[in-house]
């Protein structure tokens, strides 16, 4: 399981449109291509789960996404009914 491998490729000062470009984008796509090649070479006998905030339209990233957990689509990782306005002091 990989947790946000794209994080190291996003600069501290994010571009206004929030997109990743240039050599950082190429490096991130190469990472996902390496993951895909490994899975293909092992004939599917290996599973990789990636939790990611980046949402690239490039392949193999785009076709490998199984679900997009976003609050605005009602599929948040943490359901709304788990969150309350009250804070517990403990």
Protein backbone atom coordinates (compact mmCIF):
# COMPACT_ATOMS: atom_id res chain seq x y z
CA UNK A 1 0.00 0.00 0.00
CA UNK A 2 1.34 3.37 -1.02
CA UNK A 3 0.13 6.59 0.57
CA UNK A 4 0.23 9.63 -1.73
CA UNK A 5 3.44 8.94 -3.65
CA UNK A 6 2.77 12.09 -5.68
CA UNK A 7 3.27 14.28 -2.62
CA UNK A 8 7.02 14.63 -3.18
CA UNK A 9 6.43 15.92 -6.72
CA UNK A 10 4.13 18.81 -5.82
CA UNK A 11 6.00 22.05 -5.13
CA UNK A 12 5.37 24.01 -1.93
CA UNK A 13 4.13 26.93 -4.02
CA UNK A 14 1.42 25.21 -6.02
CA UNK A 15 0.62 26.64 -9.47
CA UNK A 16 -2.57 28.71 -9.60
CA UNK A 17 -4.47 26.04 -11.52
CA UNK A 18 -3.26 23.27 -9.18
CA UNK A 19 -1.75 21.16 -11.95
CA UNK A 20 1.57 19.39 -11.91
CA UNK A 21 3.78 20.05 -14.93
CA UNK A 22 7.22 19.54 -16.36
CA UNK A 23 9.78 17.12 -14.97
CA UNK A 24 7.77 16.51 -11.78
CA UNK A 25 4.76 15.34 -13.81
CA UNK A 26 6.97 13.09 -15.94
CA UNK A 27 8.60 11.59 -12.83
CA UNK A 28 5.21 10.88 -11.26
CA UNK A 29 3.88 9.28 -14.45
CA UNK A 30 7.03 7.15 -14.68
CA UNK A 31 6.39 5.96 -11.12
CA UNK A 32 2.88 4.83 -12.05
CA UNK A 33 4.16 3.20 -15.25
CA UNK A 34 6.72 1.26 -13.19
CA UNK A 35 3.97 0.06 -10.84
CA UNK A 36 1.85 -1.01 -13.82
CA UNK A 37 4.76 -2.83 -15.51
CA UNK A 38 5.45 -4.73 -12.28
CA UNK A 39 1.83 -5.81 -11.91
CA UNK A 40 1.69 -6.84 -15.59
CA UNK A 41 4.97 -8.80 -15.31
CA UNK A 42 3.57 -10.74 -12.35
CA UNK A 43 0.37 -11.59 -14.29
CA UNK A 44 -1.84 -9.97 -11.70
CA UNK A 45 -0.41 -12.01 -8.81
CA UNK A 46 0.52 -8.80 -7.05
CA UNK A 47 -1.81 -6.08 -5.83
CA UNK A 48 -0.89 -2.45 -5.26
CA UNK A 49 -3.22 -0.12 -3.40
CA UNK A 50 -2.47 3.56 -3.71
CA UNK A 51 -4.16 6.29 -1.69
CA UNK A 52 -3.65 9.39 -3.78
CA UNK A 53 -4.77 13.01 -3.87
CA UNK A 54 -3.50 13.60 -7.41
CA UNK A 55 -6.06 12.88 -10.11
CA UNK A 56 -4.20 12.57 -13.38
CA UNK A 57 -5.87 12.01 -16.74
CA UNK A 58 -2.78 10.26 -18.11
CA UNK A 59 -2.42 6.50 -18.46
CA UNK A 60 -1.91 4.19 -16.73
CA UNK A 61 -3.11 6.32 -13.81
CA UNK A 62 -6.57 7.19 -15.14
CA UNK A 63 -7.70 3.67 -16.05
CA UNK A 64 -6.36 2.21 -12.80
CA UNK A 65 -8.50 4.36 -10.50
CA UNK A 66 -11.18 2.23 -8.86
CA UNK A 67 -12.96 4.92 -6.89
CA UNK A 68 -12.73 8.62 -6.21
CA UNK A 69 -13.49 9.38 -2.59
CA UNK A 70 -14.59 12.97 -2.59
CA UNK A 71 -17.00 14.67 -0.24
CA UNK A 72 -18.64 16.42 -3.20
CA UNK A 73 -19.61 13.10 -4.83
CA UNK A 74 -20.91 11.54 -1.62
CA UNK A 75 -18.10 8.98 -1.47
CA UNK A 76 -15.85 10.49 1.18
CA UNK A 77 -13.42 8.10 2.88
CA UNK A 78 -14.79 9.35 6.19
CA UNK A 79 -18.61 9.43 5.94
CA UNK A 80 -20.37 12.69 6.86
CA UNK A 81 -22.30 11.02 9.67
CA UNK A 82 -19.05 10.17 11.43
CA UNK A 83 -18.20 13.85 11.76
CA UNK A 84 -19.89 15.93 14.44
CA UNK A 85 -19.65 19.59 15.33
CA UNK A 86 -19.01 18.76 18.97
CA UNK A 87 -15.46 18.28 20.18
CA UNK A 88 -14.66 15.74 22.82
CA UNK A 89 -12.41 17.18 25.56
CA UNK A 90 -10.82 13.81 26.30
